[in-house]
């Protein structure tokens, strides 16, 4: 089952002085809002957001497995 959301914000996670562990993707915090205005923050790989063409203001579907796709 998929839930539809609007992408409110996309913020790259801050890693401070620490480097990202080898092999770990750069993650963004994606703030999603449902039709009732409830928000949910989902960590998601930046590279995958770019590949899918997901930007702030887009409508997306969140699958039960945690993957996003443009709606």
PDB file of N, CA and C in Angstrom:
ATOM      1  N   UNK A   1       0.847  -1.179   0.000  1.00  0.00           N
ATOM      2  CA  UNK A   1       0.000   0.000   0.000  1.00  0.00           C
ATOM      3  C   UNK A   1       0.897   1.248   0.000  1.00  0.00           C
ATOM      4  N   UNK A   2       0.525   2.204  -0.797  1.00  0.00           N
ATOM      5  CA  UNK A   2       1.283   3.452  -0.885  1.00  0.00           C
ATOM      6  C   UNK A   2       0.486   4.597  -0.271  1.00  0.00           C
ATOM      7  N   UNK A   3       1.210   5.533   0.337  1.00  0.00           N
ATOM      8  CA  UNK A   3       0.615   6.734   0.893  1.00  0.00           C
ATOM      9  C   UNK A   3       1.146   7.920   0.104  1.00  0.00           C
ATOM     10  N   UNK A   4       0.280   8.858  -0.234  1.00  0.00           N
ATOM     11  CA  UNK A   4       0.673  10.022  -1.027  1.00  0.00           C
ATOM     12  C   UNK A   4       0.993  11.191  -0.098  1.00  0.00           C
ATOM     13  N   UNK A   5       2.113  11.852  -0.404  1.00  0.00           N
ATOM     14  CA  UNK A   5       2.579  12.999   0.369  1.00  0.00           C
ATOM     15  C   UNK A   5       3.038  14.107  -0.561  1.00  0.00           C
ATOM     16  N   UNK A   6       3.150  15.312  -0.007  1.00  0.00           N
ATOM     17  CA  UNK A   6       3.802  16.431  -0.688  1.00  0.00           C
ATOM     18  C   UNK A   6       5.155  16.621  -0.023  1.00  0.00           C
ATOM     19  N   UNK A   7       6.192  16.837  -0.830  1.00  0.00           N
ATOM     20  CA  UNK A   7       7.532  17.072  -0.301  1.00  0.00           C
ATOM     21  C   UNK A   7       7.601  18.534   0.141  1.00  0.00           C
ATOM     22  N   UNK A   8       7.749  18.750   1.442  1.00  0.00           N
ATOM     23  CA  UNK A   8       7.784  20.096   2.001  1.00  0.00           C
ATOM     24  C   UNK A   8       9.208  20.649   1.968  1.00  0.00           C
ATOM     25  N   UNK A   9      10.171  19.841   2.403  1.00  0.00           N
ATOM     26  CA  UNK A   9      11.585  20.270   2.460  1.00  0.00           C
ATOM     27  C   UNK A   9      12.492  19.085   2.190  1.00  0.00           C
ATOM     28  N   UNK A  10      13.666  19.401   1.652  1.00  0.00           N
ATOM     29  CA  UNK A  10      14.740  18.419   1.519  1.00  0.00           C
ATOM     30  C   UNK A  10      15.993  19.076   2.075  1.00  0.00           C
ATOM     31  N   UNK A  11      16.533  18.489   3.141  1.00  0.00           N
ATOM     32  CA  UNK A  11      17.735  19.019   3.783  1.00  0.00           C
ATOM     33  C   UNK A  11      18.798  17.936   3.824  1.00  0.00           C
ATOM     34  N   UNK A  12      20.003  18.256   3.339  1.00  0.00           N
ATOM     35  CA  UNK A  12      21.098  17.303   3.439  1.00  0.00           C
ATOM     36  C   UNK A  12      21.453  17.140   4.910  1.00  0.00           C
ATOM     37  N   UNK A  13      21.642  15.901   5.337  1.00  0.00           N
ATOM     38  CA  UNK A  13      22.012  15.656   6.719  1.00  0.00           C
ATOM     39  C   UNK A  13      23.386  16.241   6.989  1.00  0.00           C
ATOM     40  N   UNK A  14      23.569  16.764   8.203  1.00  0.00           N
ATOM     41  CA  UNK A  14      24.840  17.363   8.604  1.00  0.00           C
ATOM     42  C   UNK A  14      25.689  16.304   9.283  1.00  0.00           C
ATOM     43  N   UNK A  15      26.908  16.170   8.818  1.00  0.00           N
ATOM     44  CA  UNK A  15      27.808  15.171   9.378  1.00  0.00           C
ATOM     45  C   UNK A  15      28.885  15.806  10.253  1.00  0.00           C
ATOM     46  N   UNK A  16      28.868  17.132  10.383  1.00  0.00           N
ATOM     47  CA  UNK A  16      29.834  17.832  11.223  1.00  0.00           C
ATOM     48  C   UNK A  16      31.254  17.570  10.770  1.00  0.00           C
ATOM     49  N   UNK A  17      32.140  17.385  11.715  1.00  0.00           N
ATOM     50  CA  UNK A  17      33.557  17.154  11.413  1.00  0.00           C
ATOM     51  C   UNK A  17      33.819  15.717  10.986  1.00  0.00           C
ATOM     52  N   UNK A  18      32.873  14.851  11.250  1.00  0.00           N
ATOM     53  CA  UNK A  18      33.067  13.443  10.935  1.00  0.00           C
ATOM     54  C   UNK A  18      32.817  13.196   9.455  1.00  0.00           C
ATOM     55  N   UNK A  19      33.636  12.332   8.885  1.00  0.00           N
ATOM     56  CA  UNK A  19      33.430  11.934   7.503  1.00  0.00           C
ATOM     57  C   UNK A  19      32.408  10.813   7.471  1.00  0.00           C
ATOM     58  N   UNK A  20      31.765  10.702   6.347  1.00  0.00           N
ATOM     59  CA  UNK A  20      30.804   9.633   6.140  1.00  0.00           C
ATOM     60  C   UNK A  20      31.560   8.304   6.083  1.00  0.00           C
ATOM     61  N   UNK A  21      31.083   7.252   6.763  1.00  0.00           N
ATOM     62  CA  UNK A  21      31.764   5.959   6.685  1.00  0.00           C
ATOM     63  C   UNK A  21      31.832   5.475   5.235  1.00  0.00           C
ATOM     64  N   UNK A  22      32.901   4.781   4.895  1.00  0.00           N
ATOM     65  CA  UNK A  22      33.102   4.277   3.536  1.00  0.00           C
ATOM     66  C   UNK A  22      31.891   3.462   3.091  1.00  0.00           C
ATOM     67  N   UNK A  23      31.439   3.736   1.892  1.00  0.00           N
ATOM     68  CA  UNK A  23      30.322   2.997   1.315  1.00  0.00           C
ATOM     69  C   UNK A  23      28.949   3.475   1.723  1.00  0.00           C
ATOM     70  N   UNK A  24      28.859   4.452   2.617  1.00  0.00           N
ATOM     71  CA  UNK A  24      27.566   4.957   3.061  1.00  0.00           C
ATOM     72  C   UNK A  24      27.117   6.101   2.154  1.00  0.00           C
ATOM     73  N   UNK A  25      25.849   6.086   1.718  1.00  0.00           N
ATOM     74  CA  UNK A  25      25.361   7.162   0.857  1.00  0.00           C
ATOM     75  C   UNK A  25      25.119   8.452   1.638  1.00  0.00           C
ATOM     76  N   UNK A  26      25.214   9.570   0.945  1.00  0.00           N
ATOM     77  CA  UNK A  26      24.834  10.857   1.529  1.00  0.00           C
ATOM     78  C   UNK A  26      23.313  10.850   1.654  1.00  0.00           C
ATOM     79  N   UNK A  27      22.828  11.121   2.859  1.00  0.00           N
ATOM     80  CA  UNK A  27      21.383  11.105   3.099  1.00  0.00           C
ATOM     81  C   UNK A  27      20.836  12.513   3.243  1.00  0.00           C
ATOM     82  N   UNK A  28      19.589  12.662   2.840  1.00  0.00           N
ATOM     83  CA  UNK A  28      18.843  13.897   3.035  1.00  0.00           C
ATOM     84  C   UNK A  28      17.660  13.583   3.944  1.00  0.00           C
ATOM     85  N   UNK A  29      17.259  14.563   4.749  1.00  0.00           N
ATOM     86  CA  UNK A  29      16.026  14.450   5.519  1.00  0.00           C
ATOM     87  C   UNK A  29      14.921  15.050   4.663  1.00  0.00           C
ATOM     88  N   UNK A  30      13.981  14.206   4.251  1.00  0.00           N
ATOM     89  CA  UNK A  30      12.869  14.630   3.402  1.00  0.00           C
ATOM     90  C   UNK A  30      11.649  14.802   4.292  1.00  0.00           C
ATOM     91  N   UNK A  31      11.151  16.038   4.378  1.00  0.00           N
ATOM     92  CA  UNK A  31       9.954  16.308   5.166  1.00  0.00           C
ATOM     93  C   UNK A  31       8.746  16.155   4.254  1.00  0.00           C
ATOM     94  N   UNK A  32       7.871  15.224   4.628  1.00  0.00           N
ATOM     95  CA  UNK A  32       6.675  14.918   3.843  1.00  0.00           C
ATOM     96  C   UNK A  32       5.441  15.363   4.616  1.00  0.00           C
ATOM     97  N   UNK A  33       4.412  15.827   3.897  1.00  0.00           N
ATOM     98  CA  UNK A  33       3.138  16.197   4.520  1.00  0.00           C
ATOM     99  C   UNK A  33       2.011  15.457   3.814  1.00  0.00           C
ATOM    100  N   UNK A  34       1.110  14.872   4.610  1.00  0.00           N
ATOM    101  CA  UNK A  34      -0.036  14.195   4.015  1.00  0.00           C
ATOM    102  C   UNK A  34      -1.175  15.187   3.803  1.00  0.00           C
ATOM    103  N   UNK A  35      -2.297  14.711   3.292  1.00  0.00           N
ATOM    104  CA  UNK A  35      -3.431  15.580   2.969  1.00  0.00           C
ATOM    105  C   UNK A  35      -3.987  16.289   4.204  1.00  0.00           C
ATOM    106  N   UNK A  36      -3.814  15.692   5.380  1.00  0.00           N
ATOM    107  CA  UNK A  36      -4.322  16.286   6.616  1.00  0.00           C
ATOM    108  C   UNK A  36      -3.323  17.271   7.230  1.00  0.00           C
ATOM    109  N   UNK A  37      -2.131  17.388   6.603  1.00  0.00           N
ATOM    110  CA  UNK A  37      -1.128  18.308   7.112  1.00  0.00           C
ATOM    111  C   UNK A  37      -0.160  17.693   8.110  1.00  0.00           C
ATOM    112  N   UNK A  38      -0.303  16.397   8.380  1.00  0.00           N
ATOM    113  CA  UNK A  38       0.626  15.704   9.269  1.00  0.00           C
ATOM    114  C   UNK A  38       1.969  15.549   8.562  1.00  0.00           C
ATOM    115  N   UNK A  39       3.053  15.808   9.272  1.00  0.00           N
ATOM    116  CA  UNK A  39       4.373  15.711   8.652  1.00  0.00           C
ATOM    117  C   UNK A  39       5.130  14.486   9.140  1.00  0.00           C
ATOM    118  N   UNK A  40       6.042  14.049   8.303  1.00  0.00           N
ATOM    119  CA  UNK A  40       6.872  12.869   8.562  1.00  0.00           C
ATOM    120  C   UNK A  40       8.235  13.163   7.948  1.00  0.00           C
ATOM    121  N   UNK A  41       9.312  12.909   8.685  1.00  0.00           N
ATOM    122  CA  UNK A  41      10.661  13.119   8.155  1.00  0.00           C
ATOM    123  C   UNK A  41      11.265  11.762   7.822  1.00  0.00           C
ATOM    124  N   UNK A  42      11.708  11.629   6.581  1.00  0.00           N
ATOM    125  CA  UNK A  42      12.243  10.377   6.073  1.00  0.00           C
ATOM    126  C   UNK A  42      13.678  10.576   5.607  1.00  0.00           C
ATOM    127  N   UNK A  43      14.658   9.867   6.200  1.00  0.00           N
ATOM    128  CA  UNK A  43      16.013   9.936   5.660  1.00  0.00           C
ATOM    129  C   UNK A  43      16.049   9.164   4.338  1.00  0.00           C
ATOM    130  N   UNK A  44      16.627   9.784   3.313  1.00  0.00           N
ATOM    131  CA  UNK A  44      16.604   9.161   1.986  1.00  0.00           C
ATOM    132  C   UNK A  44      17.897   9.505   1.247  1.00  0.00           C
ATOM    133  N   UNK A  45      18.452   8.577   0.487  1.00  0.00           N
ATOM    134  CA  UNK A  45      19.705   8.853  -0.235  1.00  0.00           C
ATOM    135  C   UNK A  45      19.550   9.991  -1.245  1.00  0.00           C
ATOM    136  N   UNK A  46      20.464  10.959  -1.164  1.00  0.00           N
ATOM    137  CA  UNK A  46      20.460  12.113  -2.062  1.00  0.00           C
ATOM    138  C   UNK A  46      20.532  11.681  -3.522  1.00  0.00           C
ATOM    139  N   UNK A  47      21.373  10.727  -3.816  1.00  0.00           N
ATOM    140  CA  UNK A  47      21.548  10.257  -5.198  1.00  0.00           C
ATOM    141  C   UNK A  47      20.245   9.685  -5.757  1.00  0.00           C
ATOM    142  N   UNK A  48      19.482   9.001  -4.912  1.00  0.00           N
ATOM    143  CA  UNK A  48      18.213   8.426  -5.352  1.00  0.00           C
ATOM    144  C   UNK A  48      17.160   9.507  -5.585  1.00  0.00           C
ATOM    145  N   UNK A  49      17.143  10.532  -4.734  1.00  0.00           N
ATOM    146  CA  UNK A  49      16.221  11.656  -4.958  1.00  0.00           C
ATOM    147  C   UNK A  49      16.507  12.319  -6.297  1.00  0.00           C
ATOM    148  N   UNK A  50      17.786  12.494  -6.602  1.00  0.00           N
ATOM    149  CA  UNK A  50      18.184  13.101  -7.878  1.00  0.00           C
ATOM    150  C   UNK A  50      17.777  12.213  -9.039  1.00  0.00           C
ATOM    151  N   UNK A  51      18.043  10.907  -8.918  1.00  0.00           N
ATOM    152  CA  UNK A  51      17.699   9.960  -9.990  1.00  0.00           C
ATOM    153  C   UNK A  51      16.196   9.967 -10.281  1.00  0.00           C
ATOM    154  N   UNK A  52      15.396  10.056  -9.220  1.00  0.00           N
ATOM    155  CA  UNK A  52      13.935  10.050  -9.366  1.00  0.00           C
ATOM    156  C   UNK A  52      13.374  11.421  -9.745  1.00  0.00           C
ATOM    157  N   UNK A  53      14.209  12.467  -9.668  1.00  0.00           N
ATOM    158  CA  UNK A  53      13.751  13.814  -9.991  1.00  0.00           C
ATOM    159  C   UNK A  53      12.808  14.374  -8.952  1.00  0.00           C
ATOM    160  N   UNK A  54      12.983  13.970  -7.691  1.00  0.00           N
ATOM    161  CA  UNK A  54      12.110  14.437  -6.613  1.00  0.00           C
ATOM    162  C   UNK A  54      12.673  15.719  -6.026  1.00  0.00           C
ATOM    163  N   UNK A  55      11.830  16.764  -5.991  1.00  0.00           N
ATOM    164  CA  UNK A  55      12.201  18.072  -5.470  1.00  0.00           C
ATOM    165  C   UNK A  55      11.134  18.561  -4.500  1.00  0.00           C
ATOM    166  N   UNK A  56      11.456  19.624  -3.769  1.00  0.00           N
ATOM    167  CA  UNK A  56      10.477  20.244  -2.877  1.00  0.00           C
ATOM    168  C   UNK A  56       9.256  20.667  -3.689  1.00  0.00           C
ATOM    169  N   UNK A  57       8.071  20.436  -3.135  1.00  0.00           N
ATOM    170  CA  UNK A  57       6.820  20.777  -3.802  1.00  0.00           C
ATOM    171  C   UNK A  57       6.217  19.638  -4.601  1.00  0.00           C
ATOM    172  N   UNK A  58       6.998  18.589  -4.865  1.00  0.00           N
ATOM    173  CA  UNK A  58       6.495  17.451  -5.640  1.00  0.00           C
ATOM    174  C   UNK A  58       5.535  16.608  -4.809  1.00  0.00           C
ATOM    175  N   UNK A  59       4.677  15.882  -5.497  1.00  0.00           N
ATOM    176  CA  UNK A  59       3.821  14.885  -4.880  1.00  0.00           C
ATOM    177  C   UNK A  59       4.487  13.536  -5.086  1.00  0.00           C
ATOM    178  N   UNK A  60       4.607  12.776  -3.991  1.00  0.00           N
ATOM    179  CA  UNK A  60       5.280  11.477  -4.067  1.00  0.00           C
ATOM    180  C   UNK A  60       4.419  10.415  -3.396  1.00  0.00           C
ATOM    181  N   UNK A  61       4.693   9.179  -3.748  1.00  0.00           N
ATOM    182  CA  UNK A  61       4.058   8.035  -3.101  1.00  0.00           C
ATOM    183  C   UNK A  61       5.118   7.317  -2.290  1.00  0.00           C
ATOM    184  N   UNK A  62       4.799   7.003  -1.048  1.00  0.00           N
ATOM    185  CA  UNK A  62       5.696   6.273  -0.161  1.00  0.00           C
ATOM    186  C   UNK A  62       5.168   4.852  -0.046  1.00  0.00           C
ATOM    187  N   UNK A  63       5.955   3.896  -0.527  1.00  0.00           N
ATOM    188  CA  UNK A  63       5.563   2.484  -0.480  1.00  0.00           C
ATOM    189  C   UNK A  63       5.792   1.924   0.922  1.00  0.00           C
ATOM    190  N   UNK A  64       5.174   0.799   1.193  1.00  0.00           N
ATOM    191  CA  UNK A  64       5.303   0.146   2.487  1.00  0.00           C
ATOM    192  C   UNK A  64       6.750  -0.221   2.814  1.00  0.00           C
ATOM    193  N   UNK A  65       7.575  -0.426   1.777  1.00  0.00           N
ATOM    194  CA  UNK A  65       8.986  -0.791   2.001  1.00  0.00           C
ATOM    195  C   UNK A  65       9.865   0.431   2.236  1.00  0.00           C
ATOM    196  N   UNK A  66       9.259   1.652   2.235  1.00  0.00           N
ATOM    197  CA  UNK A  66      10.016   2.875   2.511  1.00  0.00           C
ATOM    198  C   UNK A  66      10.580   3.567   1.302  1.00  0.00           C
ATOM    199  N   UNK A  67      10.294   3.059   0.112  1.00  0.00           N
ATOM    200  CA  UNK A  67      10.794   3.709  -1.104  1.00  0.00           C
ATOM    201  C   UNK A  67       9.823   4.764  -1.591  1.00  0.00           C
ATOM    202  N   UNK A  68      10.388   5.803  -2.192  1.00  0.00           N
ATOM    203  CA  UNK A  68       9.592   6.888  -2.758  1.00  0.00           C
ATOM    204  C   UNK A  68       9.522   6.779  -4.274  1.00  0.00           C
ATOM    205  N   UNK A  69       8.442   7.279  -4.842  1.00  0.00           N
ATOM    206  CA  UNK A  69       8.366   7.471  -6.289  1.00  0.00           C
ATOM    207  C   UNK A  69       7.514   8.707  -6.536  1.00  0.00           C
ATOM    208  N   UNK A  70       7.809   9.379  -7.629  1.00  0.00           N
ATOM    209  CA  UNK A  70       7.031  10.562  -7.992  1.00  0.00           C
ATOM    210  C   UNK A  70       5.617  10.146  -8.354  1.00  0.00           C
ATOM    211  N   UNK A  71       4.640  10.872  -7.834  1.00  0.00           N
ATOM    212  CA  UNK A  71       3.239  10.533  -8.107  1.00  0.00           C
ATOM    213  C   UNK A  71       2.698  11.338  -9.266  1.00  0.00           C
TER     214      UNK A  71
END
